[in-house]
C-alpha atoms as a PDB file:
ATOM      1  CA  UNK A   1       0.016  -0.021   0.047  1.00  0.00           C
ATOM      2  CA  UNK A   2       1.254   3.465  -0.859  1.00  0.00           C
ATOM      3  CA  UNK A   3      -0.003   6.668   0.775  1.00  0.00           C
ATOM      4  CA  UNK A   4       0.260   9.800  -1.365  1.00  0.00           C
ATOM      5  CA  UNK A   5       0.586  13.388  -0.169  1.00  0.00           C
ATOM      6  CA  UNK A   6      -2.191  14.702  -2.453  1.00  0.00           C
ATOM      7  CA  UNK A   7      -3.225  17.989  -0.732  1.00  0.00           C
ATOM      8  CA  UNK A   8      -0.311  20.200  -1.813  1.00  0.00           C
ATOM      9  CA  UNK A   9      -1.120  23.440  -3.616  1.00  0.00           C
ATOM     10  CA  UNK A  10       2.337  25.108  -3.628  1.00  0.00           C
ATOM     11  CA  UNK A  11       4.210  21.908  -4.669  1.00  0.00           C
ATOM     12  CA  UNK A  12       3.897  19.310  -7.415  1.00  0.00           C
ATOM     13  CA  UNK A  13       5.870  16.712  -9.245  1.00  0.00           C
ATOM     14  CA  UNK A  14       5.590  17.721 -12.897  1.00  0.00           C
ATOM     15  CA  UNK A  15       7.250  14.815 -14.544  1.00  0.00           C
ATOM     16  CA  UNK A  16       9.894  12.029 -13.883  1.00  0.00           C
ATOM     17  CA  UNK A  17      12.397   9.944 -15.827  1.00  0.00           C
ATOM     18  CA  UNK A  18      15.990   9.126 -16.432  1.00  0.00           C
ATOM     19  CA  UNK A  19      16.893   9.251 -12.761  1.00  0.00           C
ATOM     20  CA  UNK A  20      15.369  12.722 -12.252  1.00  0.00           C
ATOM     21  CA  UNK A  21      12.218  14.386 -10.948  1.00  0.00           C
ATOM     22  CA  UNK A  22      10.920  17.757 -12.183  1.00  0.00           C
ATOM     23  CA  UNK A  23       9.280  19.671  -9.372  1.00  0.00           C
ATOM     24  CA  UNK A  24       7.406  22.872  -8.857  1.00  0.00           C
ATOM     25  CA  UNK A  25       8.128  24.633  -5.530  1.00  0.00           C
ATOM     26  CA  UNK A  26       5.849  27.645  -5.469  1.00  0.00           C
ATOM     27  CA  UNK A  27       6.795  29.476  -8.680  1.00  0.00           C
ATOM     28  CA  UNK A  28      10.226  27.862  -8.943  1.00  0.00           C
ATOM     29  CA  UNK A  29      10.876  24.647 -10.982  1.00  0.00           C
ATOM     30  CA  UNK A  30      13.725  22.435  -9.834  1.00  0.00           C
ATOM     31  CA  UNK A  31      15.135  19.293 -11.457  1.00  0.00           C
ATOM     32  CA  UNK A  32      16.733  16.877  -8.947  1.00  0.00           C
ATOM     33  CA  UNK A  33      18.074  13.267  -9.049  1.00  0.00           C
ATOM     34  CA  UNK A  34      15.974  10.438  -7.638  1.00  0.00           C
ATOM     35  CA  UNK A  35      17.410   6.905  -7.408  1.00  0.00           C
ATOM     36  CA  UNK A  36      13.845   5.383  -7.606  1.00  0.00           C
ATOM     37  CA  UNK A  37      13.210   6.890 -11.049  1.00  0.00           C
ATOM     38  CA  UNK A  38      14.601   4.067 -13.301  1.00  0.00           C
ATOM     39  CA  UNK A  39      12.144   4.563 -16.186  1.00  0.00           C
ATOM     40  CA  UNK A  40      12.695   6.886 -19.154  1.00  0.00           C
ATOM     41  CA  UNK A  41      11.292  10.415 -19.312  1.00  0.00           C
ATOM     42  CA  UNK A  42       8.267  11.157 -21.536  1.00  0.00           C
ATOM     43  CA  UNK A  43      10.023  14.322 -22.656  1.00  0.00           C
ATOM     44  CA  UNK A  44      13.402  16.117 -22.179  1.00  0.00           C
ATOM     45  CA  UNK A  45      13.157  17.296 -18.612  1.00  0.00           C
ATOM     46  CA  UNK A  46      16.344  19.421 -18.946  1.00  0.00           C
ATOM     47  CA  UNK A  47      14.672  21.575 -21.641  1.00  0.00           C
ATOM     48  CA  UNK A  48      11.545  22.323 -19.645  1.00  0.00           C
ATOM     49  CA  UNK A  49      10.879  26.119 -20.355  1.00  0.00           C
ATOM     50  CA  UNK A  50      10.286  27.166 -16.731  1.00  0.00           C
ATOM     51  CA  UNK A  51      13.339  25.253 -15.334  1.00  0.00           C
ATOM     52  CA  UNK A  52      15.169  27.365 -12.786  1.00  0.00           C
ATOM     53  CA  UNK A  53      17.905  25.020 -11.487  1.00  0.00           C
ATOM     54  CA  UNK A  54      19.307  21.519 -11.885  1.00  0.00           C
ATOM     55  CA  UNK A  55      21.171  19.454  -9.327  1.00  0.00           C
ATOM     56  CA  UNK A  56      23.883  17.507 -11.180  1.00  0.00           C
ATOM     57  CA  UNK A  57      25.726  14.663  -9.608  1.00  0.00           C
ATOM     58  CA  UNK A  58      29.473  14.506  -9.781  1.00  0.00           C
ATOM     59  CA  UNK A  59      31.315  11.318 -10.938  1.00  0.00           C
ATOM     60  CA  UNK A  60      33.600  11.889  -7.919  1.00  0.00           C
ATOM     61  CA  UNK A  61      30.608  11.850  -5.513  1.00  0.00           C
ATOM     62  CA  UNK A  62      28.319  14.673  -4.283  1.00  0.00           C
ATOM     63  CA  UNK A  63      27.156  17.267  -6.820  1.00  0.00           C
ATOM     64  CA  UNK A  64      26.254  20.869  -7.264  1.00  0.00           C
ATOM     65  CA  UNK A  65      23.381  23.098  -8.349  1.00  0.00           C
ATOM     66  CA  UNK A  66      23.433  24.526 -11.871  1.00  0.00           C
ATOM     67  CA  UNK A  67      21.210  27.667 -11.985  1.00  0.00           C
ATOM     68  CA  UNK A  68      19.358  28.445 -15.209  1.00  0.00           C
ATOM     69  CA  UNK A  69      17.623  31.526 -13.857  1.00  0.00           C
ATOM     70  CA  UNK A  70      18.287  34.002 -11.083  1.00  0.00           C
ATOM     71  CA  UNK A  71      16.682  32.742  -7.827  1.00  0.00           C
ATOM     72  CA  UNK A  72      16.143  34.308  -4.484  1.00  0.00           C
ATOM     73  CA  UNK A  73      18.400  32.953  -1.722  1.00  0.00           C
ATOM     74  CA  UNK A  74      15.230  31.307  -0.221  1.00  0.00           C
ATOM     75  CA  UNK A  75      11.488  31.472  -0.604  1.00  0.00           C
ATOM     76  CA  UNK A  76       8.410  30.178   1.178  1.00  0.00           C
ATOM     77  CA  UNK A  77       5.701  27.622   0.330  1.00  0.00           C
ATOM     78  CA  UNK A  78       2.516  26.646   2.266  1.00  0.00           C
ATOM     79  CA  UNK A  79       0.768  23.422   3.201  1.00  0.00           C
ATOM     80  CA  UNK A  80      -2.615  24.258   4.641  1.00  0.00           C
ATOM     81  CA  UNK A  81      -1.812  26.472   7.649  1.00  0.00           C
ATOM     82  CA  UNK A  82       1.797  25.595   7.741  1.00  0.00           C
ATOM     83  CA  UNK A  83       4.642  27.627   6.010  1.00  0.00           C
ATOM     84  CA  UNK A  84       8.157  26.505   5.172  1.00  0.00           C
ATOM     85  CA  UNK A  85      11.348  28.075   3.968  1.00  0.00           C
ATOM     86  CA  UNK A  86      12.703  26.537   0.837  1.00  0.00           C
ATOM     87  CA  UNK A  87      16.315  26.877  -0.344  1.00  0.00           C
ATOM     88  CA  UNK A  88      18.522  24.854  -2.757  1.00  0.00           C
ATOM     89  CA  UNK A  89      21.018  23.131  -0.419  1.00  0.00           C
ATOM     90  CA  UNK A  90      23.863  20.569  -0.546  1.00  0.00           C
ATOM     91  CA  UNK A  91      23.165  16.914  -1.458  1.00  0.00           C
ATOM     92  CA  UNK A  92      20.248  18.070  -3.687  1.00  0.00           C
ATOM     93  CA  UNK A  93      18.040  18.974  -0.792  1.00  0.00           C
ATOM     94  CA  UNK A  94      15.651  21.941  -0.470  1.00  0.00           C
ATOM     95  CA  UNK A  95      14.940  21.827   3.286  1.00  0.00           C
ATOM     96  CA  UNK A  96      11.539  19.952   3.046  1.00  0.00           C
ATOM     97  CA  UNK A  97      10.199  16.575   2.136  1.00  0.00           C
ATOM     98  CA  UNK A  98       6.729  17.140   0.835  1.00  0.00           C
ATOM     99  CA  UNK A  99       5.716  13.425   0.902  1.00  0.00           C
ATOM    100  CA  UNK A 100       5.865  13.678   4.725  1.00  0.00           C
ATOM    101  CA  UNK A 101       2.506  15.529   4.690  1.00  0.00           C
ATOM    102  CA  UNK A 102       1.049  11.980   4.837  1.00  0.00           C
ATOM    103  CA  UNK A 103       2.587  11.516   8.301  1.00  0.00           C
ATOM    104  CA  UNK A 104       1.787  15.074   9.418  1.00  0.00           C
ATOM    105  CA  UNK A 105      -1.862  14.403   8.770  1.00  0.00           C
ATOM    106  CA  UNK A 106      -1.884  11.069  10.638  1.00  0.00           C
ATOM    107  CA  UNK A 107      -0.051  12.306  13.785  1.00  0.00           C
ATOM    108  CA  UNK A 108      -1.902  15.607  13.668  1.00  0.00           C
ATOM    109  CA  UNK A 109      -5.257  13.773  13.728  1.00  0.00           C
ATOM    110  CA  UNK A 110      -4.182  11.816  16.825  1.00  0.00           C
ATOM    111  CA  UNK A 111      -2.877  14.946  18.618  1.00  0.00           C
ATOM    112  CA  UNK A 112      -5.973  16.981  17.853  1.00  0.00           C
ATOM    113  CA  UNK A 113      -8.129  14.225  19.252  1.00  0.00           C
ATOM    114  CA  UNK A 114      -6.111  14.227  22.469  1.00  0.00           C
ATOM    115  CA  UNK A 115      -6.164  18.020  22.597  1.00  0.00           C
ATOM    116  CA  UNK A 116      -9.919  18.068  22.317  1.00  0.00           C
ATOM    117  CA  UNK A 117      -9.991  15.845  25.372  1.00  0.00           C
ATOM    118  CA  UNK A 118      -8.110  18.476  27.301  1.00  0.00           C
ATOM    119  CA  UNK A 119      -4.654  16.972  26.982  1.00  0.00           C
ATOM    120  CA  UNK A 120      -1.436  18.443  25.672  1.00  0.00           C
ATOM    121  CA  UNK A 121       0.588  15.562  24.325  1.00  0.00           C
ATOM    122  CA  UNK A 122       4.395  15.600  24.806  1.00  0.00           C
ATOM    123  CA  UNK A 123       6.048  14.352  21.638  1.00  0.00           C
ATOM    124  CA  UNK A 124       9.713  13.681  20.816  1.00  0.00           C
ATOM    125  CA  UNK A 125      10.922  14.202  17.205  1.00  0.00           C
ATOM    126  CA  UNK A 126      14.289  12.491  16.511  1.00  0.00           C
ATOM    127  CA  UNK A 127      16.472  13.224  13.531  1.00  0.00           C
ATOM    128  CA  UNK A 128      14.064  16.096  13.155  1.00  0.00           C
ATOM    129  CA  UNK A 129      15.796  17.967  10.253  1.00  0.00           C
ATOM    130  CA  UNK A 130      14.108  21.258   9.451  1.00  0.00           C
ATOM    131  CA  UNK A 131      10.986  20.561  11.517  1.00  0.00           C
ATOM    132  CA  UNK A 132       8.208  19.671   9.114  1.00  0.00           C
ATOM    133  CA  UNK A 133       6.779  17.114  11.511  1.00  0.00           C
ATOM    134  CA  UNK A 134       7.656  19.323  14.529  1.00  0.00           C
ATOM    135  CA  UNK A 135       5.738  22.307  13.100  1.00  0.00           C
ATOM    136  CA  UNK A 136       2.755  20.171  12.098  1.00  0.00           C
ATOM    137  CA  UNK A 137       2.517  18.526  15.445  1.00  0.00           C
ATOM    138  CA  UNK A 138       2.956  21.726  17.461  1.00  0.00           C
ATOM    139  CA  UNK A 139       0.203  23.364  15.314  1.00  0.00           C
ATOM    140  CA  UNK A 140      -2.085  20.438  16.127  1.00  0.00           C
ATOM    141  CA  UNK A 141      -1.611  21.094  19.860  1.00  0.00           C
ATOM    142  CA  UNK A 142       1.427  19.108  21.013  1.00  0.00           C
ATOM    143  CA  UNK A 143       4.428  20.132  23.071  1.00  0.00           C
ATOM    144  CA  UNK A 144       7.401  18.958  20.945  1.00  0.00           C
ATOM    145  CA  UNK A 145      11.016  18.273  21.758  1.00  0.00           C
ATOM    146  CA  UNK A 146      12.946  18.649  18.503  1.00  0.00           C
ATOM    147  CA  UNK A 147      16.332  16.887  18.294  1.00  0.00           C
ATOM    148  CA  UNK A 148      18.857  16.948  15.496  1.00  0.00           C
ATOM    149  CA  UNK A 149      22.687  16.845  15.262  1.00  0.00           C
ATOM    150  CA  UNK A 150      22.853  19.709  12.783  1.00  0.00           C
ATOM    151  CA  UNK A 151      22.722  23.223  14.294  1.00  0.00           C
ATOM    152  CA  UNK A 152      21.852  24.753  10.953  1.00  0.00           C
ATOM    153  CA  UNK A 153      18.829  22.387  10.431  1.00  0.00           C
ATOM    154  CA  UNK A 154      17.595  23.119  13.939  1.00  0.00           C
ATOM    155  CA  UNK A 155      17.823  26.857  13.316  1.00  0.00           C
ATOM    156  CA  UNK A 156      15.809  26.329  10.118  1.00  0.00           C
ATOM    157  CA  UNK A 157      13.176  24.409  12.112  1.00  0.00           C
ATOM    158  CA  UNK A 158      12.793  27.459  14.337  1.00  0.00           C
ATOM    159  CA  UNK A 159      12.322  29.667  11.279  1.00  0.00           C
ATOM    160  CA  UNK A 160       9.653  27.316   9.893  1.00  0.00           C
ATOM    161  CA  UNK A 161       7.805  27.343  13.260  1.00  0.00           C
ATOM    162  CA  UNK A 162       7.775  31.156  13.329  1.00  0.00           C
ATOM    163  CA  UNK A 163       6.618  31.316   9.781  1.00  0.00           C
ATOM    164  CA  UNK A 164       3.701  29.043  10.732  1.00  0.00           C
ATOM    165  CA  UNK A 165       2.806  31.327  13.707  1.00  0.00           C
ATOM    166  CA  UNK A 166       4.249  29.032  16.437  1.00  0.00           C
ATOM    167  CA  UNK A 167       6.121  31.051  19.068  1.00  0.00           C
ATOM    168  CA  UNK A 168       6.063  28.480  21.891  1.00  0.00           C
ATOM    169  CA  UNK A 169       5.669  24.818  22.671  1.00  0.00           C
ATOM    170  CA  UNK A 170       8.800  23.634  20.915  1.00  0.00           C
ATOM    171  CA  UNK A 171      12.091  22.792  22.622  1.00  0.00           C
ATOM    172  CA  UNK A 172      14.967  22.722  20.110  1.00  0.00           C
ATOM    173  CA  UNK A 173      18.138  20.621  20.839  1.00  0.00           C
ATOM    174  CA  UNK A 174      21.264  20.221  18.784  1.00  0.00           C
ATOM    175  CA  UNK A 175      22.346  16.808  20.008  1.00  0.00           C
ATOM    176  CA  UNK A 176      23.175  13.287  19.113  1.00  0.00           C
ATOM    177  CA  UNK A 177      19.796  11.516  19.208  1.00  0.00           C
ATOM    178  CA  UNK A 178      20.993   8.346  20.888  1.00  0.00           C
ATOM    179  CA  UNK A 179      22.850  10.282  23.604  1.00  0.00           C
ATOM    180  CA  UNK A 180      19.833  12.466  24.174  1.00  0.00           C
ATOM    181  CA  UNK A 181      17.504   9.416  24.546  1.00  0.00           C
ATOM    182  CA  UNK A 182      19.855   7.786  27.055  1.00  0.00           C
ATOM    183  CA  UNK A 183      19.847  10.993  29.116  1.00  0.00           C
ATOM    184  CA  UNK A 184      16.066  11.178  29.041  1.00  0.00           C
ATOM    185  CA  UNK A 185      15.840   7.615  30.294  1.00  0.00           C
ATOM    186  CA  UNK A 186      18.189   8.360  33.212  1.00  0.00           C
ATOM    187  CA  UNK A 187      16.120  11.501  34.027  1.00  0.00           C
ATOM    188  CA  UNK A 188      12.842   9.388  34.091  1.00  0.00           C
ATOM    189  CA  UNK A 189      11.166  11.556  31.427  1.00  0.00           C
ATOM    190  CA  UNK A 190       8.286  10.092  29.482  1.00  0.00           C
ATOM    191  CA  UNK A 191       6.546  10.938  26.227  1.00  0.00           C
ATOM    192  CA  UNK A 192       3.101  10.465  24.764  1.00  0.00           C
ATOM    193  CA  UNK A 193       4.520   9.911  21.367  1.00  0.00           C
ATOM    194  CA  UNK A 194       7.797   9.567  19.440  1.00  0.00           C
ATOM    195  CA  UNK A 195       8.557  10.379  15.783  1.00  0.00           C
ATOM    196  CA  UNK A 196      11.923   9.456  14.096  1.00  0.00           C
ATOM    197  CA  UNK A 197      13.198   9.941  10.571  1.00  0.00           C
ATOM    198  CA  UNK A 198      16.630   8.219  10.770  1.00  0.00           C
ATOM    199  CA  UNK A 199      19.194   8.494   8.041  1.00  0.00           C
ATOM    200  CA  UNK A 200      20.789   5.578   6.226  1.00  0.00           C
ATOM    201  CA  UNK A 201      24.190   6.718   7.492  1.00  0.00           C
ATOM    202  CA  UNK A 202      25.143   9.670   9.673  1.00  0.00           C
ATOM    203  CA  UNK A 203      27.462  11.178  12.202  1.00  0.00           C
ATOM    204  CA  UNK A 204      26.643  12.930  15.486  1.00  0.00           C
ATOM    205  CA  UNK A 205      28.136  16.238  16.598  1.00  0.00           C
ATOM    206  CA  UNK A 206      31.203  14.359  18.090  1.00  0.00           C
ATOM    207  CA  UNK A 207      31.619  11.879  15.265  1.00  0.00           C
ATOM    208  CA  UNK A 208      29.183   9.267  16.484  1.00  0.00           C
ATOM    209  CA  UNK A 209      28.459   6.754  13.680  1.00  0.00           C
ATOM    210  CA  UNK A 210      24.936   5.662  12.630  1.00  0.00           C
ATOM    211  CA  UNK A 211      24.149   2.850  10.241  1.00  0.00           C
ATOM    212  CA  UNK A 212      20.448   2.137   9.861  1.00  0.00           C
ATOM    213  CA  UNK A 213      20.609  -1.650   9.248  1.00  0.00           C
ATOM    214  CA  UNK A 214      22.440  -2.301  12.509  1.00  0.00           C
ATOM    215  CA  UNK A 215      21.233   0.620  14.701  1.00  0.00           C
ATOM    216  CA  UNK A 216      17.481   1.007  13.992  1.00  0.00           C
ATOM    217  CA  UNK A 217      16.030  -2.035  15.929  1.00  0.00           C
ATOM    218  CA  UNK A 218      18.006  -1.503  19.124  1.00  0.00           C
ATOM    219  CA  UNK A 219      17.375   2.221  18.968  1.00  0.00           C
ATOM    220  CA  UNK A 220      13.589   1.777  18.520  1.00  0.00           C
ATOM    221  CA  UNK A 221      13.664  -0.622  21.441  1.00  0.00           C
ATOM    222  CA  UNK A 222      15.539   1.878  23.488  1.00  0.00           C
ATOM    223  CA  UNK A 223      13.147   4.697  22.654  1.00  0.00           C
ATOM    224  CA  UNK A 224      10.131   2.535  23.528  1.00  0.00           C
ATOM    225  CA  UNK A 225      11.124   2.741  27.154  1.00  0.00           C
ATOM    226  CA  UNK A 226      10.476   6.480  26.978  1.00  0.00           C
ATOM    227  CA  UNK A 227       6.848   6.064  26.243  1.00  0.00           C
ATOM    228  CA  UNK A 228       4.304   6.807  28.969  1.00  0.00           C
ATOM    229  CA  UNK A 229       1.881   4.084  30.257  1.00  0.00           C
ATOM    230  CA  UNK A 230      -0.746   5.014  27.735  1.00  0.00           C
ATOM    231  CA  UNK A 231       1.172   6.371  24.688  1.00  0.00           C
ATOM    232  CA  UNK A 232      -0.555   7.829  21.616  1.00  0.00           C
ATOM    233  CA  UNK A 233       1.815   6.741  18.836  1.00  0.00           C
ATOM    234  CA  UNK A 234       5.317   5.851  17.721  1.00  0.00           C
ATOM    235  CA  UNK A 235       6.149   6.708  14.077  1.00  0.00           C
ATOM    236  CA  UNK A 236       9.197   5.670  12.026  1.00  0.00           C
ATOM    237  CA  UNK A 237       9.909   7.031   8.573  1.00  0.00           C
ATOM    238  CA  UNK A 238      12.760   5.777   6.370  1.00  0.00           C
ATOM    239  CA  UNK A 239      14.219   6.835   3.042  1.00  0.00           C
ATOM    240  CA  UNK A 240      16.652   3.942   2.750  1.00  0.00           C
ATOM    241  CA  UNK A 241      16.179   2.384  -0.672  1.00  0.00           C
ATOM    242  CA  UNK A 242      15.168  -1.272  -0.433  1.00  0.00           C
ATOM    243  CA  UNK A 243      13.911  -1.090   3.179  1.00  0.00           C
ATOM    244  CA  UNK A 244      10.382  -2.650   2.968  1.00  0.00           C
ATOM    245  CA  UNK A 245       7.494  -1.350   5.030  1.00  0.00           C
ATOM    246  CA  UNK A 246       7.171  -4.805   6.492  1.00  0.00           C
ATOM    247  CA  UNK A 247      10.611  -4.363   8.148  1.00  0.00           C
ATOM    248  CA  UNK A 248       9.261  -1.271   9.994  1.00  0.00           C
ATOM    249  CA  UNK A 249       6.094  -3.217  10.763  1.00  0.00           C
ATOM    250  CA  UNK A 250       8.049  -6.048  12.341  1.00  0.00           C
ATOM    251  CA  UNK A 251      10.258  -3.708  14.366  1.00  0.00           C
ATOM    252  CA  UNK A 252       7.264  -1.896  15.805  1.00  0.00           C
ATOM    253  CA  UNK A 253       5.407  -5.156  16.627  1.00  0.00           C
ATOM    254  CA  UNK A 254       8.438  -6.554  18.475  1.00  0.00           C
ATOM    255  CA  UNK A 255       9.159  -3.359  20.492  1.00  0.00           C
ATOM    256  CA  UNK A 256       5.905  -1.510  21.275  1.00  0.00           C
ATOM    257  CA  UNK A 257       3.633  -2.045  24.230  1.00  0.00           C
ATOM    258  CA  UNK A 258       0.618  -4.328  23.871  1.00  0.00           C
ATOM    259  CA  UNK A 259      -2.842  -2.938  23.197  1.00  0.00           C
ATOM    260  CA  UNK A 260      -2.136  -1.049  20.077  1.00  0.00           C
ATOM    261  CA  UNK A 261      -2.160  -1.444  16.262  1.00  0.00           C
ATOM    262  CA  UNK A 262       0.693  -1.235  13.796  1.00  0.00           C
ATOM    263  CA  UNK A 263       0.376  -0.091  10.225  1.00  0.00           C
ATOM    264  CA  UNK A 264       3.275   0.104   7.563  1.00  0.00           C
ATOM    265  CA  UNK A 265       3.121   1.549   4.064  1.00  0.00           C
ATOM    266  CA  UNK A 266       5.069   3.195   1.324  1.00  0.00           C
ATOM    267  CA  UNK A 267       5.029   6.987   1.247  1.00  0.00           C
ATOM    268  CA  UNK A 268       4.862   8.798  -2.027  1.00  0.00           C
ATOM    269  CA  UNK A 269       3.855  11.678  -4.168  1.00  0.00           C
ATOM    270  CA  UNK A 270       1.411  11.915  -7.109  1.00  0.00           C
ATOM    271  CA  UNK A 271       2.800  13.249 -10.340  1.00  0.00           C
ATOM    272  CA  UNK A 272       1.200  15.297 -13.082  1.00  0.00           C
ATOM    273  CA  UNK A 273       1.985  12.464 -15.524  1.00  0.00           C
ATOM    274  CA  UNK A 274      -0.401  10.219 -13.669  1.00  0.00           C
ATOM    275  CA  UNK A 275       1.934   7.904 -11.760  1.00  0.00           C
ATOM    276  CA  UNK A 276       2.981   7.592  -8.190  1.00  0.00           C
ATOM    277  CA  UNK A 277       6.593   8.476  -7.139  1.00  0.00           C
ATOM    278  CA  UNK A 278       7.649   6.269  -4.220  1.00  0.00           C
ATOM    279  CA  UNK A 279       9.575   8.203  -1.534  1.00  0.00           C
ATOM    280  CA  UNK A 280      10.314   5.764   1.263  1.00  0.00           C
ATOM    281  CA  UNK A 281       8.485   3.739   3.908  1.00  0.00           C
ATOM    282  CA  UNK A 282       6.579   4.570   7.039  1.00  0.00           C
ATOM    283  CA  UNK A 283       5.340   2.592  10.068  1.00  0.00           C
ATOM    284  CA  UNK A 284       3.132   3.721  12.895  1.00  0.00           C
ATOM    285  CA  UNK A 285       2.023   2.198  16.198  1.00  0.00           C
ATOM    286  CA  UNK A 286      -1.112   3.669  17.536  1.00  0.00           C
ATOM    287  CA  UNK A 287      -2.505   2.862  21.011  1.00  0.00           C
ATOM    288  CA  UNK A 288      -6.131   1.580  20.905  1.00  0.00           C
END
């Protein structure tokens, strides 16, 4: 099963092919590599008239942006009542993953239901990047602890929160996620929900190594001990190519408290050419 983020107005995937995806971010059109796009393009994406910039990979690794038109340093796009800062960055990124709107909607629904019952859920967002999930959950009524090892990304998350009209309710931390979780366990802190978006590979602020295949299961098991007695949810998202949703489903079933349901799925985006672009896997445990 694939869940598509279909409610965007300021973003769309125009076309795909030849290892690239052509996207509209507000009024700006970008062409970026995508390893899932192994089919041929229906037209020459590089000759698209409104194309503003292309991210070209280097044979030596990495890559760089090639600008076709003069662009502002950054600009903003909206998703419903949320606003985000967009900027061409290193490693082909823009500072936002639009397909994650699928998970924003799911967690937001649960949080709003708890808030309507007079509760203010306390949620931890790990590997939180520029705060798409953080902003969405805070807007829904949660108190969010936002943790990421990159100072620049945490600062961007604060900008996104302010753009969305959120001035309080978020605690920002530049830290290694595993070290922070271990400290929270020692402190006896507990959370109503946890969201994580771990990378395939990564390094913490002090050079700590992370490899998804060996670290994910024990880390999820560790984080499960931070859930309160009656948690709301535990969400895992993964971009690692080849990691099946069933893997996330199995991890959650083996680590989460009894009395809940587990759902796993592909996450993706609709395209203007009428096909679905896969963008990773998600898995969520929800307490009954």
